[in-house]
Every structure is written in C-alpha cells, then in structure tokens.
Amino acid sequence: MPVVLVFLLTAAFVSGYRYYYTNYASNVSLPDKAVYLYVRPGADFNEVLDSLRSLRVLKDERTFISVAVHKNYSDNIHTGRYKLTDGMNNKQLVHALILGEQEPVRLTLSGNIRTNRRLAALLSRYIQPDSLAILQALNDTQRTAAYGFTPATIMGMFIPNTYEVYWNISVDGLLQRMKREYDAFWNAERREKAAAVQMTPQEVVTLASIVCEESLKADEMPRIAGVYVNRLRKGIPLQADPTLKYAAGNFALRRVLTRHIAIDSPYNTYKYAGLPPGPICVPPPVAIDAVLNYETHQYLYFCAKADFSGYHSFSKTLAQHNQYAREYQQALSRNRIYR
C-alpha cells in the first residue's frame, strides 16, 4: 500500500475520531442523579463556563468549548434551568443551551402561606425573580387590579397545587399563569355554588382561609363554614380567633386574650362585622369546597374541645358556648398555656 494512501487513511481516521470524540463521546459525568445548570440573565459564555466548572461535571472542558464556539453559542445564550444527565455529549448539551430547552421546575403551593411576604419568599425558591420583585408585584395596586384583585386579596388567586413552570419565568408571567389556574379551578359549578351562598369567589376564598385556620380536620370544615355562614346572614360578627392572630401578626398564639380583641384592624372580626378585607392564608381546595358545600344547621358558636383533639364543640346558644369555652380555658391553664 503506498505510503501516501496510508497517510491519508490515518489522517482520515484521526480526524474522524476527533470529530466523534469532540461531538458525540460522553462528556458529562454525574454520580447517580441529574444536576441543573442555571444560566442567569445577562450571563456571557465565560459565566456559563464558570458555572459548569463549579458543577464539576465536564470530563473534557476543551471539547465543550470547541463545540460551543463552532455552534456560535456566545451569540445564542438563553437564561434558564438546564438538566444535565450522565453520559450527555457536547452536541446534546450545546444544542439544549442554544435552543433554550429548559427543564421545568415543580412549584408546590401548600400551607403556611399567610402573608404576601411569605408567598413571595416561597415563590422565589422556585423561580429566578427574587422575593423583593415578587413582593412588589403582589403589593402593587395596579398590577393586582389587572387580574381582578387587590394587594389584600391577591393571595386568593394562588390555588394550592403543584405546577410546572420555567425557572426564568417573569413575575407577570407567573401571575398570568396563576390567574389561568384560578379561572380553571373556579369552574361553572363552583361559581354557581358561590352565588348560592351569596358570595363572590374571592369572598369564598377569604372565608375558607378562616375555616382552614380554625381546623385541620377536613371532615369538620363544612360544619365550621356553616357556623360562619349563619353568623354572616344574621349580621353577627364572625369573632374568629385566627383573624386576631393575623391582626396581631402572631400566628403562634394559642390563647387569645382581651388585649388581642382590642386590636384596631380591619382583620379584627370581633371589632368589625363581615368578612375581613382578604384571606388570612392561602386556603387549600378542601377548605374552599367546604365553604361551597357548607353544612346547614343552626349552630352559631363553636369552641375547641378541651381534649386538644383538634375537633370542636358546637353550640346554638351563647350559654352552652360559654360552658365549652370555660372548659377549654381551664384545659389551657392546666397545661400552662398562657399565650
């Protein structure tokens, strides 16, 4: 075989191997789970490269740079959250980065969200906008009005569930998504039930937030909702202790005292009749449905049971309620619970 032919074949083999190694050979090595690369707004190629270095996932940095330069990645950088998997090659990785093929995050809304500040802090754990930017939007009268809410009621637009969103979603993009989910939740059937209770969906959510703060027992929620519906219809103040905790800004209170009842706040339902200006938490669907399907009865009062079971004793008369209340207060004192 002529020397020239051998040389050409060898050169072709080496070139082909280099091409394969650079583009198609595995270049991402992970122990046993996926790792996520975050490309932040305004990042340039060097910052992306630094992020990859900090993750320590590239076997050969030089080949990644070669493919990224060849594909002109520097001019096609997209912010986002990108999933890196064991065995990825450079072509797959650069292709995903150039096309902005992100991996969505699973945003879970659950309990213990009682203020706009807390909601903003929770959301910022999942998405790129920080809690301050989110909080500013939630407290902005014009921005909340665009969705039919106010800063006092905007929490009610967030229906507890798990949602898939992109990490780099904008604040307004997130609000638009939550409004679509809210509208889907409030279907024709639920809206008809709200009208039957003579409440708007927002008012139902506000009452549901009080109901779920009163009891964690789903089987008891419709009965508690029925008490509040009875009081609203008779023009009797709700006198809901959770609203005093909200007004006081102390959600750990276990014993409501006279000084709490004296707090001058629109959320003090001992002082002001009707519903408070907005929800005191983000209520779960079970609490919303408990209001929509409230139990019909004649109870006007309820009090936590003295056995601390989490259930309540219900009364039609104030005299009976006061007896239950004394038993509960005595139980608190026996257990040295004074606040």
Protein backbone atom coordinates (compact mmCIF):
# COMPACT_ATOMS: atom_id res chain seq x y z
CA MET A 1 0.00 0.00 0.00
CA PRO A 2 1.51 3.33 -1.00
CA VAL A 3 2.78 5.46 1.86
CA VAL A 4 0.63 8.39 0.75
CA LEU A 5 -2.53 6.29 0.94
CA VAL A 6 -1.61 5.04 4.40
CA PHE A 7 -1.03 8.59 5.49
CA LEU A 8 -4.37 9.74 4.10
CA LEU A 9 -6.26 6.87 5.73
CA THR A 10 -4.55 7.52 9.04
CA ALA A 11 -5.31 11.23 8.83
CA ALA A 12 -8.95 10.48 7.97
CA PHE A 13 -9.22 8.08 10.89
CA VAL A 14 -7.68 10.55 13.33
CA SER A 15 -9.90 13.36 12.04
CA GLY A 16 -12.98 11.19 12.28
CA TYR A 17 -12.08 10.06 15.77
CA ARG A 18 -11.51 13.64 16.89
CA TYR A 19 -14.85 14.69 15.40
CA TYR A 20 -16.62 11.82 17.13
CA TYR A 21 -14.82 12.39 20.43
CA THR A 22 -15.49 16.13 20.37
CA ASN A 23 -19.17 15.91 19.40
CA TYR A 24 -20.57 12.51 20.35
CA ALA A 25 -18.44 10.98 23.09
CA SER A 26 -19.88 11.20 26.61
CA ASN A 27 -18.59 14.37 28.24
CA VAL A 28 -20.89 14.76 31.26
CA SER A 29 -20.15 12.58 34.24
CA LEU A 30 -22.52 12.51 37.20
CA PRO A 31 -22.62 10.21 40.23
CA ASP A 32 -26.23 9.00 40.31
CA LYS A 33 -28.64 11.87 39.79
CA ALA A 34 -29.29 14.81 37.49
CA VAL A 35 -27.61 18.17 38.07
CA TYR A 36 -29.03 21.50 36.95
CA LEU A 37 -27.15 24.29 35.24
CA TYR A 38 -28.60 27.75 35.88
CA VAL A 39 -27.90 30.41 33.26
CA ARG A 40 -28.76 33.77 34.77
CA PRO A 41 -29.94 36.89 32.91
CA GLY A 42 -27.10 38.73 31.20
CA ALA A 43 -24.67 35.83 31.52
CA ASP A 44 -21.93 35.56 28.88
CA PHE A 45 -20.11 32.45 27.74
CA ASN A 46 -17.40 32.74 30.39
CA GLU A 47 -20.01 32.88 33.15
CA VAL A 48 -21.73 29.78 31.76
CA LEU A 49 -18.36 28.06 31.61
CA ASP A 50 -17.63 29.08 35.21
CA SER A 51 -20.97 27.60 36.29
CA LEU A 52 -20.12 24.32 34.56
CA ARG A 53 -16.72 24.32 36.25
CA SER A 54 -18.33 24.80 39.65
CA LEU A 55 -20.56 21.79 38.98
CA ARG A 56 -17.51 19.67 38.08
CA VAL A 57 -19.38 17.62 35.52
CA LEU A 58 -17.33 18.02 32.32
CA LYS A 59 -14.78 15.33 31.55
CA ASP A 60 -13.07 17.44 28.87
CA GLU A 61 -13.67 21.18 29.02
CA ARG A 62 -11.71 21.83 25.84
CA THR A 63 -14.04 19.78 23.64
CA PHE A 64 -17.09 21.51 25.09
CA ILE A 65 -15.56 24.91 24.31
CA SER A 66 -14.73 23.74 20.79
CA VAL A 67 -18.32 22.71 20.06
CA ALA A 68 -19.77 25.81 21.75
CA VAL A 69 -17.54 28.09 19.65
CA HIS A 70 -18.29 26.17 16.46
CA LYS A 71 -22.05 26.44 17.12
CA ASN A 72 -21.71 30.16 17.94
CA TYR A 73 -23.21 29.68 21.42
CA SER A 74 -21.90 33.06 22.63
CA ASP A 75 -24.49 34.79 20.44
CA ASN A 76 -27.32 32.44 21.44
CA ILE A 77 -27.24 32.36 25.23
CA HIS A 78 -30.65 31.85 26.83
CA THR A 79 -31.36 32.16 30.53
CA GLY A 80 -32.87 29.12 32.16
CA ARG A 81 -32.51 25.94 34.16
CA TYR A 82 -30.95 23.11 32.17
CA LYS A 83 -30.88 19.47 33.18
CA LEU A 84 -27.52 17.71 32.85
CA THR A 85 -27.60 13.93 32.77
CA ASP A 86 -24.86 11.38 32.99
CA GLY A 87 -23.47 10.46 29.58
CA MET A 88 -24.52 13.63 27.72
CA ASN A 89 -22.25 14.56 24.85
CA ASN A 90 -21.20 18.05 23.85
CA LYS A 91 -23.55 18.22 20.89
CA GLN A 92 -26.54 17.39 23.11
CA LEU A 93 -25.52 19.88 25.77
CA VAL A 94 -24.75 22.78 23.43
CA HIS A 95 -27.87 22.04 21.38
CA ALA A 96 -30.06 22.29 24.52
CA LEU A 97 -28.37 25.52 25.61
CA ILE A 98 -28.67 27.20 22.20
CA LEU A 99 -32.32 26.26 21.79
CA GLY A 100 -33.18 27.15 25.39
CA GLU A 101 -34.53 23.66 26.07
CA GLN A 102 -35.08 24.07 29.78
CA GLU A 103 -36.22 21.59 32.37
CA PRO A 104 -39.31 22.98 34.16
CA VAL A 105 -39.41 23.27 37.95
CA ARG A 106 -42.23 21.79 40.02
CA LEU A 107 -43.62 24.69 42.02
CA THR A 108 -45.61 23.48 45.01
CA LEU A 109 -48.02 25.76 46.86
CA SER A 110 -49.18 24.38 50.19
CA GLY A 111 -49.98 25.54 53.71
CA ASN A 112 -48.34 28.09 55.99
CA ILE A 113 -48.67 30.91 53.44
CA ARG A 114 -50.28 33.69 55.44
CA THR A 115 -48.90 36.91 54.01
CA ASN A 116 -47.80 38.34 50.68
CA ARG A 117 -44.27 38.44 52.04
CA ARG A 118 -44.33 34.75 52.87
CA LEU A 119 -45.82 33.93 49.48
CA ALA A 120 -43.12 35.93 47.70
CA ALA A 121 -40.40 34.18 49.69
CA LEU A 122 -41.81 30.76 48.82
CA LEU A 123 -42.14 31.52 45.11
CA SER A 124 -38.59 32.88 44.91
CA ARG A 125 -37.28 29.46 45.96
CA TYR A 126 -38.51 28.04 42.68
CA ILE A 127 -38.04 30.80 40.11
CA GLN A 128 -35.36 33.29 39.10
CA PRO A 129 -37.08 36.57 40.16
CA ASP A 130 -36.20 37.37 43.76
CA SER A 131 -38.66 37.73 46.62
CA LEU A 132 -38.47 41.54 46.58
CA ALA A 133 -39.54 41.74 42.92
CA ILE A 134 -42.38 39.30 43.55
CA LEU A 135 -43.49 41.11 46.72
CA GLN A 136 -43.52 44.46 44.92
CA ALA A 137 -45.87 42.99 42.32
CA LEU A 138 -48.15 41.44 44.94
CA ASN A 139 -48.38 44.77 46.76
CA ASP A 140 -48.86 46.86 43.62
CA THR A 141 -52.45 48.06 43.31
CA GLN A 142 -52.35 48.50 39.53
CA ARG A 143 -50.70 45.15 38.79
CA THR A 144 -53.05 43.19 41.02
CA ALA A 145 -56.05 45.05 39.59
CA ALA A 146 -55.09 43.78 36.14
CA TYR A 147 -56.05 40.31 37.38
CA GLY A 148 -59.17 41.43 39.24
CA PHE A 149 -57.60 41.50 42.70
CA THR A 150 -56.13 43.89 45.26
CA PRO A 151 -52.96 43.52 47.33
CA ALA A 152 -55.25 42.34 50.17
CA THR A 153 -56.93 39.64 48.07
CA ILE A 154 -54.16 38.58 45.65
CA MET A 155 -53.18 35.57 47.80
CA GLY A 156 -56.55 34.10 46.91
CA MET A 157 -55.51 33.83 43.26
CA PHE A 158 -52.96 31.15 44.20
CA ILE A 159 -54.68 27.78 44.39
CA PRO A 160 -52.56 25.22 46.32
CA ASN A 161 -51.27 22.57 43.95
CA THR A 162 -48.08 21.56 42.16
CA TYR A 163 -47.38 23.40 38.91
CA GLU A 164 -44.68 23.07 36.29
CA VAL A 165 -43.14 26.42 35.33
CA TYR A 166 -39.86 27.52 33.86
CA TRP A 167 -37.28 28.85 36.28
CA ASN A 168 -36.79 32.07 34.29
CA ILE A 169 -40.49 32.92 34.13
CA SER A 170 -41.13 36.63 34.75
CA VAL A 171 -43.19 37.85 37.68
CA ASP A 172 -46.00 38.92 35.37
CA GLY A 173 -45.73 35.63 33.51
CA LEU A 174 -46.19 33.78 36.80
CA LEU A 175 -49.19 35.94 37.76
CA GLN A 176 -50.77 35.26 34.37
CA ARG A 177 -50.23 31.52 34.86
CA MET A 178 -51.76 31.58 38.34
CA LYS A 179 -54.76 33.54 37.02
CA ARG A 180 -55.35 30.85 34.38
CA GLU A 181 -55.17 28.17 37.08
CA TYR A 182 -57.54 30.20 39.27
CA ASP A 183 -60.05 30.54 36.43
CA ALA A 184 -59.82 26.81 35.71
CA PHE A 185 -60.42 25.99 39.38
CA TRP A 186 -63.40 28.33 39.56
CA ASN A 187 -65.43 26.42 37.01
CA ALA A 188 -69.14 26.93 36.37
CA GLU A 189 -70.15 24.52 39.14
CA ARG A 190 -68.12 26.26 41.83
CA ARG A 191 -69.25 29.69 40.67
CA GLU A 192 -72.87 28.58 40.85
CA LYS A 193 -72.36 27.33 44.40
CA ALA A 194 -70.68 30.61 45.36
CA ALA A 195 -73.67 32.51 44.01
CA ALA A 196 -75.96 30.25 46.03
CA VAL A 197 -74.06 31.25 49.18
CA GLN A 198 -74.39 34.87 48.01
CA MET A 199 -70.64 35.30 47.85
CA THR A 200 -68.10 36.08 45.16
CA PRO A 201 -65.29 33.57 44.61
CA GLN A 202 -62.92 35.97 46.39
CA GLU A 203 -65.21 36.14 49.41
CA VAL A 204 -65.47 32.35 49.46
CA VAL A 205 -61.67 32.13 49.50
CA THR A 206 -61.49 34.65 52.35
CA LEU A 207 -63.95 32.66 54.44
CA ALA A 208 -62.19 29.41 53.51
CA SER A 209 -58.93 30.86 54.80
CA ILE A 210 -60.55 31.39 58.21
CA VAL A 211 -62.12 27.92 58.19
CA CYS A 212 -58.83 26.14 57.49
CA GLU A 213 -57.06 28.20 60.16
CA GLU A 214 -59.74 27.13 62.64
CA SER A 215 -59.42 23.41 61.95
CA LEU A 216 -57.13 20.95 60.21
CA LYS A 217 -59.93 18.37 60.23
CA ALA A 218 -61.38 18.22 56.73
CA ASP A 219 -64.47 16.38 57.94
CA GLU A 220 -65.28 19.27 60.31
CA MET A 221 -64.69 22.14 57.90
CA PRO A 222 -68.21 22.19 56.36
CA ARG A 223 -69.75 22.47 59.83
CA ILE A 224 -67.45 25.34 60.79
CA ALA A 225 -68.23 27.01 57.47
CA GLY A 226 -71.92 26.63 58.28
CA VAL A 227 -71.45 28.49 61.57
CA TYR A 228 -69.84 31.42 59.80
CA VAL A 229 -72.47 31.47 57.05
CA ASN A 230 -75.16 31.60 59.79
CA ARG A 231 -73.41 34.49 61.52
CA LEU A 232 -72.92 36.42 58.29
CA ARG A 233 -76.58 36.06 57.39
CA LYS A 234 -77.69 37.23 60.84
CA GLY A 235 -75.25 40.16 60.84
CA ILE A 236 -73.34 38.74 63.82
CA PRO A 237 -69.58 39.45 63.88
CA LEU A 238 -67.59 36.36 62.96
CA GLN A 239 -65.41 36.67 66.08
CA ALA A 240 -62.85 34.34 64.50
CA ASP A 241 -59.73 33.96 66.60
CA PRO A 242 -57.46 33.32 63.56
CA THR A 243 -58.24 36.82 62.32
CA LEU A 244 -56.97 38.23 65.64
CA LYS A 245 -53.74 36.28 65.21
CA TYR A 246 -53.45 37.74 61.72
CA ALA A 247 -54.14 41.26 63.01
CA ALA A 248 -51.56 40.78 65.76
CA GLY A 249 -49.03 39.32 63.32
CA ASN A 250 -48.52 36.39 65.67
CA PHE A 251 -49.63 33.10 64.14
CA ALA A 252 -48.23 31.04 67.01
CA LEU A 253 -50.82 32.34 69.50
CA ARG A 254 -52.66 29.53 71.24
CA ARG A 255 -54.58 31.67 73.68
CA VAL A 256 -56.44 34.81 72.61
CA LEU A 257 -56.52 37.49 75.31
CA THR A 258 -58.54 40.67 75.88
CA ARG A 259 -55.71 42.81 74.52
CA HIS A 260 -55.87 40.94 71.23
CA ILE A 261 -59.60 41.61 70.92
CA ALA A 262 -58.87 45.33 71.34
CA ILE A 263 -56.56 45.48 68.30
CA ASP A 264 -57.86 48.05 65.83
CA SER A 265 -57.53 46.31 62.49
CA PRO A 266 -59.97 45.58 59.64
CA TYR A 267 -58.94 41.94 60.16
CA ASN A 268 -60.28 42.00 63.73
CA THR A 269 -63.60 40.23 63.25
CA TYR A 270 -64.50 40.82 66.91
CA LYS A 271 -64.47 44.57 66.28
CA TYR A 272 -65.73 44.67 62.69
CA ALA A 273 -68.65 42.71 61.25
CA GLY A 274 -68.50 40.82 57.98
CA LEU A 275 -65.51 39.32 56.23
CA PRO A 276 -62.01 40.80 56.57
CA PRO A 277 -60.50 42.62 53.55
CA GLY A 278 -58.91 39.48 52.19
CA PRO A 279 -57.77 35.94 53.02
CA ILE A 280 -55.59 35.38 56.08
CA CYS A 281 -53.81 32.48 54.36
CA VAL A 282 -53.80 30.59 51.08
CA PRO A 283 -56.56 28.04 51.77
CA PRO A 284 -56.43 24.54 50.26
CA PRO A 285 -59.17 23.43 47.85
CA VAL A 286 -60.72 21.26 50.58
CA ALA A 287 -61.45 24.39 52.63
CA ILE A 288 -62.83 26.28 49.64
CA ASP A 289 -65.12 23.36 48.83
CA ALA A 290 -66.14 23.16 52.49
CA VAL A 291 -67.50 26.71 52.24
CA LEU A 292 -69.23 25.99 48.93
CA ASN A 293 -70.75 22.86 50.43
CA TYR A 294 -71.25 24.18 53.97
CA GLU A 295 -73.32 22.16 56.40
CA THR A 296 -76.81 23.50 57.00
CA HIS A 297 -77.56 23.74 60.73
CA GLN A 298 -78.48 26.24 63.45
CA TYR A 299 -75.15 26.48 65.25
CA LEU A 300 -73.82 29.98 65.91
CA TYR A 301 -70.82 29.14 68.07
CA PHE A 302 -68.01 26.63 68.32
CA CYS A 303 -65.06 26.15 70.62
CA ALA A 304 -62.02 23.89 70.56
CA LYS A 305 -62.53 20.75 72.60
CA ALA A 306 -60.75 20.57 75.93
CA ASP A 307 -59.16 17.24 74.97
CA PHE A 308 -56.98 19.04 72.39
CA SER A 309 -58.08 16.54 69.75
CA GLY A 310 -58.30 19.30 67.17
CA TYR A 311 -62.06 18.97 66.96
CA HIS A 312 -64.66 21.46 68.21
CA SER A 313 -67.84 21.58 70.26
CA PHE A 314 -70.73 23.39 68.55
CA SER A 315 -73.49 25.39 70.22
CA LYS A 316 -76.77 27.03 69.29
CA THR A 317 -76.85 29.22 72.42
CA LEU A 318 -74.31 31.54 73.99
CA ALA A 319 -74.82 29.90 77.39
CA GLN A 320 -73.79 26.48 76.06
CA HIS A 321 -70.87 28.02 74.19
CA ASN A 322 -69.62 29.78 77.32
CA GLN A 323 -69.62 26.45 79.16
CA TYR A 324 -67.49 24.83 76.44
CA ALA A 325 -65.23 27.90 76.39
CA ARG A 326 -64.67 27.70 80.18
CA GLU A 327 -63.72 24.04 79.87
CA TYR A 328 -61.24 24.86 77.14
CA GLN A 329 -59.73 27.80 79.04
CA GLN A 330 -59.33 25.60 82.11
CA ALA A 331 -57.58 22.97 79.99
CA LEU A 332 -55.20 25.63 78.67
CA SER A 333 -54.40 26.75 82.21
CA ARG A 334 -53.85 23.17 83.39
CA ASN A 335 -51.35 22.74 80.61
CA ARG A 336 -49.76 26.11 81.41
CA ILE A 337 -50.61 27.58 78.04
CA TYR A 338 -50.97 31.27 78.73
CA ARG A 339 -50.36 32.83 75.31
